[in-house]
N, C-alpha and C. Protein backbone atom coordinates (compact mmCIF):
# COMPACT_ATOMS: atom_id res chain seq x y z
N ALA A 1 0.79 -0.90 0.08
CA ALA A 1 -0.11 0.38 -0.22
C ALA A 1 0.93 0.91 -0.07
N ALA A 2 1.90 1.25 1.02
CA ALA A 2 3.08 2.15 0.81
C ALA A 2 3.53 2.51 -0.42
N LYS A 3 4.01 1.59 -1.34
CA LYS A 3 4.51 1.75 -2.63
C LYS A 3 3.54 2.06 -3.59
N LYS A 4 2.28 2.03 -3.03
CA LYS A 4 1.31 2.63 -4.11
C LYS A 4 1.28 4.16 -3.98
N ASP A 5 1.16 4.74 -2.58
CA ASP A 5 1.17 6.03 -2.22
C ASP A 5 2.56 7.08 -2.55
N PHE A 6 3.36 6.18 -2.55
CA PHE A 6 5.10 6.59 -2.34
C PHE A 6 5.47 6.47 -3.52
N PRO A 7 5.61 5.79 -4.71
CA PRO A 7 6.39 5.54 -5.23
C PRO A 7 7.81 6.16 -5.41
N ASP A 8 7.76 6.95 -5.26
CA ASP A 8 9.44 7.58 -5.64
C ASP A 8 10.43 7.17 -3.96
N MET A 9 9.21 6.91 -2.87
CA MET A 9 10.26 6.17 -1.72
C MET A 9 11.09 5.28 -1.86
N TYR A 10 11.98 4.97 -1.19
CA TYR A 10 13.10 3.82 -1.31
C TYR A 10 12.57 3.06 0.35
N PHE A 11 11.92 2.08 0.01
CA PHE A 11 12.19 1.01 1.35
C PHE A 11 12.75 -0.29 1.70
N ILE A 12 12.82 0.20 2.91
CA ILE A 12 13.71 -0.26 3.82
C ILE A 12 12.90 -1.36 5.04
N THR A 13 13.07 -2.73 4.95
CA THR A 13 11.91 -3.30 5.93
C THR A 13 12.81 -4.02 6.88
N ASP A 14 12.47 -4.07 8.06
CA ASP A 14 13.40 -4.80 9.29
C ASP A 14 12.87 -5.72 9.36
N VAL A 15 13.68 -6.87 9.32
CA VAL A 15 13.33 -8.29 8.93
C VAL A 15 13.78 -9.00 10.49
N CYS A 16 12.67 -9.47 10.98
CA CYS A 16 13.25 -10.00 12.68
C CYS A 16 11.75 -10.64 12.81
N MET A 17 11.63 -11.29 13.71
CA MET A 17 10.51 -12.23 14.32
C MET A 17 10.06 -11.73 15.71
N CYS A 18 10.53 -10.84 16.40
CA CYS A 18 10.22 -10.54 18.18
C CYS A 18 8.99 -9.90 17.80
N GLU A 19 8.23 -9.44 16.69
CA GLU A 19 6.78 -8.76 16.62
C GLU A 19 5.95 -9.90 16.41
N TYR A 20 6.50 -10.99 16.23
CA TYR A 20 5.20 -12.00 15.87
C TYR A 20 5.30 -13.24 16.89
N THR A 21 6.22 -12.71 17.39
CA THR A 21 5.94 -14.20 18.45
C THR A 21 5.76 -13.95 20.04
N SER A 22 4.96 -14.92 20.71
CA SER A 22 4.43 -14.68 21.85
C SER A 22 5.39 -14.30 23.29
N HIS A 23 6.59 -14.62 22.92
CA HIS A 23 7.18 -14.59 23.66
C HIS A 23 8.36 -13.26 23.77
N GLY A 24 8.03 -12.50 22.67
CA GLY A 24 9.40 -11.30 22.09
C GLY A 24 10.57 -11.37 21.72
N HIS A 25 10.97 -12.71 21.68
CA HIS A 25 12.45 -13.15 21.48
C HIS A 25 12.23 -13.03 19.72
N CYS A 26 13.53 -13.04 19.11
CA CYS A 26 14.28 -12.57 17.72
C CYS A 26 13.92 -14.09 17.21
N GLY A 27 13.57 -15.44 17.66
CA GLY A 27 13.78 -16.45 16.97
C GLY A 27 12.97 -17.50 17.64
N LEU A 28 13.09 -18.81 16.99
CA LEU A 28 12.22 -19.67 17.68
C LEU A 28 12.94 -20.54 18.54
N LEU A 29 12.11 -20.66 19.86
CA LEU A 29 12.93 -21.30 21.05
C LEU A 29 12.91 -22.55 21.09
N CYS A 30 13.95 -23.24 21.79
CA CYS A 30 14.11 -24.56 22.29
C CYS A 30 14.13 -24.30 23.71
N GLY A 31 13.11 -24.68 24.25
CA GLY A 31 12.87 -23.84 26.17
C GLY A 31 12.86 -22.87 26.16
N HIS A 32 13.98 -22.33 26.86
CA HIS A 32 13.78 -21.07 26.98
C HIS A 32 15.03 -20.36 26.24
N ASP A 33 15.93 -20.95 25.23
CA ASP A 33 17.36 -20.74 24.57
C ASP A 33 16.48 -20.14 23.38
N VAL A 34 16.86 -19.39 22.56
CA VAL A 34 16.59 -19.13 20.99
C VAL A 34 17.45 -19.95 20.25
N ASP A 35 16.74 -20.72 19.35
CA ASP A 35 17.23 -21.82 18.50
C ASP A 35 17.67 -20.90 17.46
N ASN A 36 19.20 -20.81 17.35
CA ASN A 36 19.87 -20.02 16.03
C ASN A 36 19.23 -20.75 14.95
N ASP A 37 19.98 -21.89 14.54
CA ASP A 37 19.84 -22.60 13.00
C ASP A 37 18.49 -22.48 12.77
N SER A 38 17.34 -23.13 13.92
CA SER A 38 15.99 -23.38 12.91
C SER A 38 15.07 -21.88 12.65
N THR A 39 15.68 -20.52 13.21
CA THR A 39 15.32 -19.43 12.69
C THR A 39 15.81 -19.00 11.76
N LEU A 40 16.92 -19.36 11.34
CA LEU A 40 17.25 -18.87 9.52
C LEU A 40 15.95 -19.05 8.78
N GLU A 41 15.82 -20.18 8.52
CA GLU A 41 14.57 -20.58 7.63
C GLU A 41 13.72 -19.63 7.63
N LEU A 42 13.08 -19.29 8.94
CA LEU A 42 11.85 -18.51 8.60
C LEU A 42 12.47 -16.93 8.20
N LEU A 43 13.61 -16.48 8.54
CA LEU A 43 13.87 -15.15 8.69
C LEU A 43 14.35 -15.02 7.17
N ALA A 44 14.59 -16.27 6.36
CA ALA A 44 14.83 -16.03 4.74
C ALA A 44 13.67 -15.96 3.86
N LYS A 45 12.66 -16.82 4.55
CA LYS A 45 11.32 -16.85 3.93
C LYS A 45 10.69 -15.11 4.34
N THR A 46 10.75 -14.59 5.67
CA THR A 46 10.45 -13.03 5.59
C THR A 46 11.01 -12.75 4.97
N ALA A 47 12.06 -12.43 4.68
CA ALA A 47 12.82 -11.45 3.77
C ALA A 47 12.45 -11.26 2.34
N VAL A 48 11.74 -12.89 1.72
CA VAL A 48 11.58 -12.99 0.55
C VAL A 48 9.99 -12.49 0.51
N SER A 49 9.24 -12.61 1.78
CA SER A 49 7.74 -12.16 1.68
C SER A 49 7.86 -10.46 1.22
N HIS A 50 8.68 -9.96 1.98
CA HIS A 50 9.21 -8.43 2.36
C HIS A 50 9.20 -7.95 0.62
N VAL A 51 10.49 -8.31 0.07
CA VAL A 51 10.50 -8.49 -1.09
C VAL A 51 9.32 -8.37 -2.34
N LYS A 52 8.72 -9.27 -2.08
CA LYS A 52 7.68 -9.49 -2.74
C LYS A 52 6.56 -8.67 -2.67
N ALA A 53 6.52 -8.26 -1.38
CA ALA A 53 5.31 -7.00 -1.32
C ALA A 53 6.00 -5.56 -1.46
N GLY A 54 7.43 -5.59 -2.19
CA GLY A 54 7.58 -4.06 -2.82
C GLY A 54 8.81 -3.77 -1.75
N ALA A 55 9.27 -3.97 -1.04
CA ALA A 55 10.55 -3.90 -0.21
C ALA A 55 11.79 -3.52 -1.31
N ASP A 56 12.56 -2.78 -1.39
CA ASP A 56 13.67 -2.32 -2.07
C ASP A 56 14.80 -2.94 -1.56
N MET A 57 14.80 -3.01 0.15
CA MET A 57 16.02 -3.68 0.54
C MET A 57 16.02 -4.63 1.79
N VAL A 58 16.43 -5.07 2.13
CA VAL A 58 16.00 -5.87 3.62
C VAL A 58 16.76 -5.76 4.48
N ALA A 59 16.82 -5.58 6.08
CA ALA A 59 17.68 -5.29 7.12
C ALA A 59 17.27 -6.34 8.27
N PRO A 60 17.79 -7.54 8.20
CA PRO A 60 17.69 -8.52 9.17
C PRO A 60 18.59 -7.62 10.45
N SER A 61 17.52 -7.70 11.45
CA SER A 61 17.83 -6.90 13.06
C SER A 61 18.06 -7.92 13.82
N ASP A 62 17.46 -9.42 13.55
CA ASP A 62 17.61 -10.17 14.83
C ASP A 62 18.75 -11.27 15.34
N MET A 63 19.91 -10.39 14.78
CA MET A 63 21.23 -11.11 15.50
C MET A 63 21.61 -12.53 15.89
N MET A 64 20.55 -13.47 14.52
CA MET A 64 21.00 -14.56 14.46
C MET A 64 22.37 -14.81 13.62
N ASP A 65 23.57 -15.74 13.86
CA ASP A 65 24.34 -15.84 13.50
C ASP A 65 24.58 -16.84 11.74
N GLY A 66 24.82 -16.20 10.77
CA GLY A 66 24.71 -17.15 9.50
C GLY A 66 22.92 -16.34 8.57
N ARG A 67 22.14 -15.63 9.35
CA ARG A 67 21.18 -14.82 8.91
C ARG A 67 21.28 -14.31 7.38
N VAL A 68 22.53 -13.63 7.16
CA VAL A 68 22.60 -12.76 5.63
C VAL A 68 22.93 -13.92 4.68
N LEU A 69 23.55 -14.74 5.26
CA LEU A 69 23.84 -15.93 4.18
C LEU A 69 22.64 -16.77 3.69
N ALA A 70 21.78 -17.01 4.76
CA ALA A 70 20.24 -17.32 4.33
C ALA A 70 19.66 -16.82 3.88
N ILE A 71 19.69 -15.84 3.89
CA ILE A 71 18.28 -14.31 3.22
C ILE A 71 19.19 -14.14 1.90
N ARG A 72 20.44 -13.88 1.66
CA ARG A 72 21.10 -13.98 0.04
C ARG A 72 20.63 -14.87 -0.45
N ASN A 73 21.22 -16.09 -0.18
CA ASN A 73 20.68 -17.37 -1.12
C ASN A 73 18.98 -17.17 -0.97
N ALA A 74 18.27 -17.31 -0.32
CA ALA A 74 16.76 -16.91 -0.29
C ALA A 74 16.17 -16.01 -1.37
N LEU A 75 17.04 -14.81 -1.41
CA LEU A 75 16.48 -13.85 -2.07
C LEU A 75 17.45 -14.22 -3.90
N ASP A 76 18.21 -14.55 -3.41
CA ASP A 76 18.96 -15.20 -5.07
C ASP A 76 17.76 -15.92 -5.82
N GLU A 77 17.39 -17.30 -4.75
CA GLU A 77 16.96 -18.46 -5.71
C GLU A 77 15.64 -17.89 -5.90
N ASN A 78 14.79 -16.69 -5.47
CA ASN A 78 13.82 -16.38 -5.64
C ASN A 78 13.54 -15.07 -6.94
N GLY A 79 14.93 -15.02 -7.10
CA GLY A 79 14.64 -14.25 -8.57
C GLY A 79 15.38 -12.54 -7.82
N PHE A 80 15.86 -12.49 -6.72
CA PHE A 80 15.84 -11.37 -6.65
C PHE A 80 17.24 -10.96 -5.89
N THR A 81 18.07 -11.26 -7.10
CA THR A 81 19.69 -10.98 -7.06
C THR A 81 20.18 -9.51 -6.74
N ASN A 82 19.08 -8.42 -7.00
CA ASN A 82 20.40 -7.14 -7.36
C ASN A 82 19.30 -6.30 -5.61
N THR A 83 18.55 -7.63 -5.01
CA THR A 83 17.92 -6.50 -3.76
C THR A 83 18.90 -6.85 -2.86
N PRO A 84 19.46 -5.59 -2.31
CA PRO A 84 20.79 -5.39 -0.91
C PRO A 84 20.03 -5.79 0.16
N ILE A 85 21.11 -6.08 1.27
CA ILE A 85 20.94 -6.54 2.88
C ILE A 85 21.87 -5.78 3.30
N MET A 86 20.75 -5.02 4.35
CA MET A 86 21.50 -4.01 5.38
C MET A 86 21.71 -4.77 6.28
N SER A 87 22.73 -5.36 7.08
CA SER A 87 22.62 -6.00 8.25
C SER A 87 22.77 -5.41 9.62
N TYR A 88 22.17 -5.28 10.32
CA TYR A 88 22.41 -5.00 11.97
C TYR A 88 23.22 -6.16 12.57
N ALA A 89 24.16 -5.70 12.01
CA ALA A 89 25.67 -6.65 12.22
C ALA A 89 26.19 -6.32 13.85
N VAL A 90 26.53 -5.46 14.13
CA VAL A 90 26.81 -4.86 15.32
C VAL A 90 25.83 -4.03 15.95
N LYS A 91 24.71 -5.29 16.87
CA LYS A 91 23.74 -4.57 17.41
C LYS A 91 23.77 -5.10 19.12
N TYR A 92 24.16 -4.20 20.04
CA TYR A 92 24.74 -4.45 21.38
C TYR A 92 23.06 -4.16 21.92
N ALA A 93 22.88 -5.36 23.03
CA ALA A 93 22.28 -5.78 24.29
C ALA A 93 22.14 -4.33 24.70
N SER A 94 20.97 -3.28 24.73
CA SER A 94 21.43 -2.06 25.40
C SER A 94 20.24 -1.42 25.96
N SER A 95 20.49 -0.58 27.28
CA SER A 95 19.45 -0.31 27.61
C SER A 95 18.75 1.03 26.64
N PHE A 96 19.09 1.03 25.66
CA PHE A 96 18.54 2.78 25.24
C PHE A 96 17.65 2.23 24.32
N TYR A 97 17.38 0.85 23.98
CA TYR A 97 16.16 0.77 23.22
C TYR A 97 14.89 0.42 24.23
N SER A 98 14.56 0.94 25.16
CA SER A 98 13.55 0.94 26.30
C SER A 98 12.28 1.65 25.79
N PRO A 99 12.62 2.86 25.36
CA PRO A 99 11.12 3.64 24.73
C PRO A 99 10.75 3.04 23.81
N PHE A 100 11.39 2.15 23.11
CA PHE A 100 10.47 2.01 21.44
C PHE A 100 10.05 0.30 22.04
N ARG A 101 10.80 -0.60 22.88
CA ARG A 101 10.22 -1.74 23.75
C ARG A 101 8.72 -1.40 24.20
N ASP A 102 8.64 -0.16 24.99
CA ASP A 102 7.60 -0.02 25.75
C ASP A 102 6.29 0.51 24.64
N ALA A 103 6.94 1.48 23.73
CA ALA A 103 5.78 1.55 22.58
C ALA A 103 5.54 0.68 21.67
N ALA A 104 6.37 -0.18 20.95
CA ALA A 104 5.68 -1.32 20.14
C ALA A 104 5.03 -2.75 21.45
N GLY A 105 5.49 -2.39 22.61
CA GLY A 105 5.25 -3.82 23.39
C GLY A 105 5.82 -4.87 22.71
N SER A 106 7.18 -5.03 22.51
CA SER A 106 8.03 -5.76 22.18
C SER A 106 9.39 -6.38 23.03
N ALA A 107 9.01 -5.49 24.09
CA ALA A 107 9.94 -6.46 25.03
C ALA A 107 9.46 -7.81 25.43
N PRO A 108 11.29 -8.54 25.69
CA PRO A 108 10.53 -10.13 25.76
C PRO A 108 9.78 -10.32 26.79
N SER A 109 8.74 -11.70 27.21
CA SER A 109 8.02 -11.91 28.06
C SER A 109 8.84 -12.63 29.37
N PHE A 110 10.00 -12.96 28.99
CA PHE A 110 10.94 -13.59 29.80
C PHE A 110 12.25 -13.55 29.39
N GLY A 111 13.48 -13.37 30.49
CA GLY A 111 15.05 -12.86 29.84
C GLY A 111 15.01 -11.67 29.30
N ASP A 112 16.25 -11.97 28.80
CA ASP A 112 16.58 -10.76 27.77
C ASP A 112 17.13 -11.43 26.47
N ARG A 113 17.80 -10.23 25.85
CA ARG A 113 18.26 -10.71 24.42
C ARG A 113 19.68 -10.74 24.31
N LYS A 114 20.56 -11.24 25.18
CA LYS A 114 22.02 -10.72 26.06
C LYS A 114 22.77 -12.10 25.06
N SER A 115 21.71 -13.17 24.89
CA SER A 115 22.20 -14.50 24.52
C SER A 115 22.73 -14.65 22.95
N TYR A 116 21.66 -13.23 22.07
CA TYR A 116 22.23 -13.11 20.87
C TYR A 116 22.61 -11.77 20.02
N GLN A 117 22.30 -11.09 21.48
CA GLN A 117 22.61 -9.52 20.70
C GLN A 117 24.01 -9.47 21.86
N MET A 118 24.61 -8.66 21.47
CA MET A 118 26.16 -8.16 21.83
C MET A 118 26.42 -7.98 23.18
N ASP A 119 27.41 -8.22 23.57
CA ASP A 119 27.76 -7.46 25.20
C ASP A 119 28.44 -6.04 24.88
N TYR A 120 27.72 -4.93 24.96
CA TYR A 120 28.43 -3.81 25.28
C TYR A 120 29.70 -3.53 25.87
N HIS A 121 30.46 -4.67 26.46
CA HIS A 121 31.90 -4.51 27.14
C HIS A 121 32.73 -4.89 25.85
N ASN A 122 31.92 -5.69 25.09
CA ASN A 122 32.80 -6.51 23.90
C ASN A 122 33.21 -5.79 22.52
N ARG A 123 34.75 -5.19 22.37
CA ARG A 123 35.05 -4.65 20.84
C ARG A 123 34.93 -5.64 20.14
N LYS A 124 35.63 -6.35 20.28
CA LYS A 124 36.66 -7.20 19.03
C LYS A 124 35.43 -8.15 18.67
N GLU A 125 34.32 -8.42 19.43
CA GLU A 125 33.28 -9.20 18.40
C GLU A 125 32.34 -8.70 17.84
N GLY A 126 32.10 -7.07 17.88
CA GLY A 126 31.38 -5.95 16.83
C GLY A 126 32.53 -6.10 15.58
N ILE A 127 33.89 -6.33 15.50
CA ILE A 127 34.53 -6.41 14.43
C ILE A 127 34.38 -7.54 13.87
N LYS A 128 34.45 -8.87 14.59
CA LYS A 128 33.93 -10.11 13.83
C LYS A 128 32.75 -10.38 13.34
N GLU A 129 31.84 -9.77 13.96
CA GLU A 129 30.43 -10.00 13.60
C GLU A 129 29.91 -8.79 12.13
N ALA A 130 30.94 -8.00 12.28
CA ALA A 130 30.81 -7.03 10.94
C ALA A 130 31.47 -7.71 9.38
N LEU A 131 32.85 -8.28 10.01
CA LEU A 131 33.51 -9.18 8.71
C LEU A 131 33.02 -10.24 8.53
N GLN A 132 32.16 -10.93 9.46
CA GLN A 132 31.34 -12.45 8.63
C GLN A 132 30.00 -11.76 7.85
N ASP A 133 29.57 -11.09 8.44
CA ASP A 133 28.20 -10.67 7.80
C ASP A 133 28.71 -9.71 6.31
N VAL A 134 29.68 -9.42 6.09
CA VAL A 134 30.41 -8.82 4.79
C VAL A 134 30.77 -9.95 4.10
N GLU A 135 31.02 -10.87 4.44
CA GLU A 135 31.66 -11.88 4.01
C GLU A 135 30.49 -13.02 3.48
N GLU A 136 29.57 -12.88 4.58
CA GLU A 136 28.23 -13.38 3.72
C GLU A 136 27.55 -12.74 3.01
N GLY A 137 27.76 -11.44 2.49
CA GLY A 137 26.90 -10.84 1.60
C GLY A 137 25.77 -9.59 1.67
N ALA A 138 26.01 -9.04 3.03
CA ALA A 138 25.73 -7.51 3.78
C ALA A 138 26.35 -6.56 2.85
N ASP A 139 25.38 -5.69 2.51
CA ASP A 139 26.00 -4.99 1.36
C ASP A 139 25.60 -3.65 2.19
N ILE A 140 25.19 -3.15 3.38
CA ILE A 140 25.40 -2.34 4.01
C ILE A 140 25.75 -3.09 5.82
N ILE A 141 26.68 -2.73 6.68
CA ILE A 141 26.75 -2.90 8.23
C ILE A 141 26.29 -1.84 8.98
N MET A 142 25.13 -2.37 9.57
CA MET A 142 24.69 -1.31 10.95
C MET A 142 25.12 -1.29 12.21
N VAL A 143 25.62 -0.23 12.64
CA VAL A 143 25.96 0.01 14.33
C VAL A 143 24.63 0.60 14.76
N LYS A 144 24.62 -0.46 16.31
CA LYS A 144 23.18 0.24 16.94
C LYS A 144 23.49 -0.15 18.23
N PRO A 145 23.68 0.56 19.13
CA PRO A 145 23.05 2.05 18.84
C PRO A 145 24.00 3.24 18.60
N ALA A 146 23.61 4.27 18.60
CA ALA A 146 24.82 5.28 17.74
C ALA A 146 25.61 5.98 18.97
N MET A 147 25.47 6.64 19.30
CA MET A 147 26.26 7.85 20.41
C MET A 147 27.31 6.74 21.61
N SER A 148 26.65 6.27 21.97
CA SER A 148 27.38 5.43 22.83
C SER A 148 28.46 4.22 22.04
N TYR A 149 28.65 4.31 21.04
CA TYR A 149 29.16 3.24 20.36
C TYR A 149 30.27 3.99 18.99
N LEU A 150 30.40 5.03 18.86
CA LEU A 150 31.18 5.85 17.91
C LEU A 150 32.73 5.09 17.83
N ASP A 151 33.00 4.86 19.05
CA ASP A 151 34.79 4.30 18.57
C ASP A 151 34.44 2.60 17.74
N ILE A 152 32.89 1.99 17.78
CA ILE A 152 33.14 1.08 17.19
C ILE A 152 32.51 1.28 15.95
N VAL A 153 31.96 2.53 15.65
CA VAL A 153 31.67 2.70 14.29
C VAL A 153 32.66 3.25 13.40
N ARG A 154 34.16 3.90 14.13
CA ARG A 154 34.61 4.19 13.61
C ARG A 154 35.97 3.10 12.91
N GLU A 155 35.95 1.79 13.73
CA GLU A 155 36.47 0.83 13.74
C GLU A 155 36.20 0.09 12.35
N VAL A 156 34.49 -0.41 12.56
CA VAL A 156 34.02 -0.94 11.76
C VAL A 156 34.00 -0.14 10.31
N ALA A 157 34.39 0.86 10.33
CA ALA A 157 34.30 1.98 8.88
C ALA A 157 35.51 1.60 8.40
N ASP A 158 36.40 1.57 9.25
CA ASP A 158 38.01 1.51 9.03
C ASP A 158 38.42 -0.04 8.25
N ILE A 159 37.38 -0.77 8.37
CA ILE A 159 37.76 -2.55 8.72
C ILE A 159 36.80 -2.93 7.09
N VAL A 160 35.65 -2.37 6.86
CA VAL A 160 35.13 -3.08 5.95
C VAL A 160 35.05 -2.23 4.29
N ASP A 161 34.71 -2.79 3.25
CA ASP A 161 34.49 -2.03 2.20
C ASP A 161 32.94 -1.75 1.71
N VAL A 162 32.26 -1.68 2.75
CA VAL A 162 30.68 -1.73 2.40
C VAL A 162 30.56 -0.19 3.23
N PRO A 163 29.25 0.86 2.79
CA PRO A 163 29.08 1.48 3.76
C PRO A 163 28.49 1.03 5.12
N VAL A 164 28.77 1.85 6.04
CA VAL A 164 28.35 1.60 7.48
C VAL A 164 26.99 2.33 7.78
N ALA A 165 26.15 2.34 8.28
CA ALA A 165 24.92 2.96 9.13
C ALA A 165 24.82 2.83 10.37
N THR A 166 24.64 3.66 11.14
CA THR A 166 24.29 3.92 12.83
C THR A 166 23.03 4.34 12.41
N TYR A 167 22.32 3.47 13.99
CA TYR A 167 20.91 3.84 14.13
C TYR A 167 21.20 4.52 15.53
N SER A 168 20.92 5.68 15.68
CA SER A 168 19.91 6.72 16.95
C SER A 168 18.74 6.16 17.40
N VAL A 169 18.88 5.58 18.59
CA VAL A 169 17.88 4.78 19.05
C VAL A 169 16.95 5.29 19.92
N SER A 170 15.85 4.89 20.20
CA SER A 170 14.75 5.61 20.95
C SER A 170 15.24 6.12 22.18
N GLY A 171 15.99 6.03 23.07
CA GLY A 171 16.61 6.16 23.95
C GLY A 171 17.31 7.65 24.28
N GLU A 172 18.26 7.71 23.03
CA GLU A 172 18.67 8.49 22.63
C GLU A 172 17.89 10.12 22.35
N TYR A 173 16.69 9.63 21.95
CA TYR A 173 15.78 10.54 21.19
C TYR A 173 14.91 10.57 22.04
N ALA A 174 14.72 10.13 23.34
CA ALA A 174 13.78 10.12 24.32
C ALA A 174 14.59 11.43 25.45
N MET A 175 15.96 11.08 25.68
CA MET A 175 16.57 11.70 26.23
C MET A 175 16.92 12.94 26.01
N VAL A 176 17.12 13.33 24.87
CA VAL A 176 17.24 14.73 23.74
C VAL A 176 15.81 15.33 24.24
N LYS A 177 14.71 14.85 23.93
CA LYS A 177 13.42 15.62 24.38
C LYS A 177 13.29 15.72 25.74
N ALA A 178 13.31 15.20 26.34
CA ALA A 178 13.13 15.31 28.11
C ALA A 178 14.19 16.35 28.50
N ALA A 179 15.58 16.02 28.11
CA ALA A 179 16.53 17.20 28.50
C ALA A 179 15.92 18.69 27.55
N ALA A 180 15.52 18.68 26.65
CA ALA A 180 15.16 20.11 25.77
C ALA A 180 13.86 20.46 26.76
N LYS A 181 12.82 19.31 26.91
CA LYS A 181 11.70 19.75 27.57
C LYS A 181 11.49 20.90 28.48
N ALA A 182 13.19 19.97 29.61
CA ALA A 182 13.54 20.44 31.06
C ALA A 182 14.46 22.01 30.96
N GLY A 183 14.55 22.51 29.57
CA GLY A 183 15.39 23.39 29.43
C GLY A 183 16.83 23.23 29.89
N CYS A 184 17.11 22.33 29.66
CA CYS A 184 18.46 21.75 29.84
C CYS A 184 19.32 21.98 28.62
N ILE A 185 19.15 21.81 27.46
CA ILE A 185 19.71 21.99 26.50
C ILE A 185 19.29 22.79 25.26
N ASP A 186 19.89 22.79 24.23
CA ASP A 186 19.62 23.64 23.29
C ASP A 186 18.96 22.30 22.07
N GLU A 187 17.70 22.06 21.94
CA GLU A 187 17.55 20.28 20.96
C GLU A 187 18.06 20.58 19.76
N GLU A 188 17.91 21.80 19.17
CA GLU A 188 18.30 21.98 17.54
C GLU A 188 19.80 21.55 17.78
N LYS A 189 20.33 22.39 18.40
CA LYS A 189 21.73 22.31 18.53
C LYS A 189 22.76 21.04 18.74
N ILE A 190 21.81 20.18 19.67
CA ILE A 190 22.08 19.16 20.19
C ILE A 190 22.22 18.03 19.10
N VAL A 191 20.74 17.90 18.27
CA VAL A 191 20.39 17.17 17.43
C VAL A 191 21.31 17.15 16.12
N CYS A 192 21.75 18.88 15.62
CA CYS A 192 22.99 18.68 15.07
C CYS A 192 24.34 17.90 14.97
N GLU A 193 24.77 18.23 16.52
CA GLU A 193 26.08 17.56 16.72
C GLU A 193 25.87 16.25 16.82
N MET A 194 25.09 15.80 17.25
CA MET A 194 24.85 14.12 17.19
C MET A 194 25.12 13.41 16.02
N ALA A 195 24.02 14.23 15.16
CA ALA A 195 24.22 13.54 13.35
C ALA A 195 25.72 13.85 12.83
N ALA A 196 26.35 14.87 12.90
CA ALA A 196 27.69 15.19 12.88
C ALA A 196 28.82 14.21 13.30
N ALA A 197 28.53 13.88 14.73
CA ALA A 197 29.56 12.86 15.33
C ALA A 197 29.36 11.80 14.66
N THR A 198 28.32 11.42 14.14
CA THR A 198 28.16 9.73 13.33
C THR A 198 29.23 9.77 12.28
N TYR A 199 28.86 10.66 11.18
CA TYR A 199 29.07 10.95 9.95
C TYR A 199 30.88 11.21 10.32
N ARG A 200 31.18 11.86 11.00
CA ARG A 200 32.52 12.23 11.55
C ARG A 200 33.23 10.91 12.03
N ALA A 201 32.79 10.15 12.75
CA ALA A 201 32.99 8.65 13.29
C ALA A 201 33.17 7.75 11.77
N GLY A 202 32.58 7.83 11.24
CA GLY A 202 32.64 7.16 9.62
C GLY A 202 31.74 6.44 9.61
N SER A 203 30.40 7.09 9.81
CA SER A 203 29.25 6.32 9.14
C SER A 203 28.98 7.29 8.05
N SER A 204 28.10 6.38 6.82
CA SER A 204 27.42 6.70 5.59
C SER A 204 26.00 6.86 5.61
N ILE A 205 25.22 6.72 7.07
CA ILE A 205 23.82 6.57 6.61
C ILE A 205 23.72 6.49 8.03
N TYR A 206 22.48 7.78 8.36
CA TYR A 206 22.55 7.89 9.91
C TYR A 206 20.76 7.62 9.88
N LEU A 207 20.28 6.71 10.67
CA LEU A 207 18.84 6.56 11.17
C LEU A 207 18.60 6.93 12.12
N THR A 208 17.60 7.73 12.42
CA THR A 208 17.27 8.52 13.53
C THR A 208 15.46 8.80 13.56
N TYR A 209 15.43 9.21 14.65
CA TYR A 209 13.57 10.08 14.96
C TYR A 209 13.66 11.45 14.58
N PHE A 210 14.79 11.98 14.62
CA PHE A 210 14.76 13.08 14.22
C PHE A 210 15.37 13.73 12.87
N ALA A 211 15.28 12.61 12.32
CA ALA A 211 15.24 12.83 10.93
C ALA A 211 14.90 13.94 9.64
N GLU A 212 13.21 13.69 10.45
CA GLU A 212 12.54 15.30 9.48
C GLU A 212 12.79 16.49 9.69
N GLN A 213 13.59 16.48 11.20
CA GLN A 213 13.56 17.99 11.43
C GLN A 213 15.14 17.63 11.02
N ILE A 214 16.33 16.94 10.89
CA ILE A 214 17.59 16.83 10.22
C ILE A 214 17.22 17.59 9.00
N ALA A 215 16.96 16.95 8.18
CA ALA A 215 16.08 17.27 6.54
C ALA A 215 15.86 19.12 6.73
N GLU A 216 15.00 19.25 7.56
CA GLU A 216 15.02 21.04 7.83
C GLU A 216 16.15 21.62 7.98
N TYR A 217 16.94 21.13 9.06
CA TYR A 217 18.23 21.77 9.41
C TYR A 217 18.97 22.18 8.39
N MET A 218 19.30 21.23 7.43
CA MET A 218 20.02 20.78 6.58
C MET A 218 19.45 21.81 5.59
N ASP A 219 18.25 21.93 4.93
CA ASP A 219 17.72 22.87 4.18
C ASP A 219 18.04 24.61 4.90
N ARG A 220 18.07 24.81 6.29
CA ARG A 220 18.56 25.66 6.79
C ARG A 220 19.87 26.24 6.68
N GLY A 221 20.87 25.05 6.52
CA GLY A 221 22.15 25.87 6.51
C GLY A 221 23.06 25.35 8.18
N LEU A 222 21.95 24.59 8.68
CA LEU A 222 22.50 24.64 9.80
C LEU A 222 23.54 23.29 9.98
N ILE A 223 23.44 22.11 8.99
CA ILE A 223 24.53 21.34 9.41
C ILE A 223 24.44 20.98 7.78
N GLY A 224 25.83 20.61 7.82
CA GLY A 224 26.50 19.75 6.41
C GLY A 224 26.05 18.66 5.88
């Protein structure tokens, strides 16, 4: 429906299972553990269904190992050889996601996602995951969240030969809004500074809830 109303817009869809499971985890369960390998087939089918519906790019955010290759193979087998994949390759188990999870009702019904999202103490794992996903066929590598992980953005950008995206998540947005409402910061200046910081760190693509505002600021020459 969106493609019909906005034919010139480029559509990137989030491929994950957390919104479609009763337990809120990003894959099939074996007991209370997410079963990585059995989840891959469903993620691949999901990605194909998105492209058939009109998605221009798919973006797996589930953090299952091997899902980029599974999705690439499924897309190719269904004739979508030119559909790119933006992988949430470096996605940390972060408290910055809380506002989104509350709004979307997507918090896990038990436990947490630390068994498949990454430990924020660990720098080397992010580099390993980024390289693995590029090898499997990822066309863009995502680092998420943004502001607390700019060191990772820089390192990933230095080692991969594909564009790097950063995702400024709901917690970052909520903190800026709350601080601005309290009169503690200048929202306009902070938003511009945050965006510039991600590009300075090596990001080529910036996903943010402030996108509409940033577009306006760019038109006004407030940010390059």
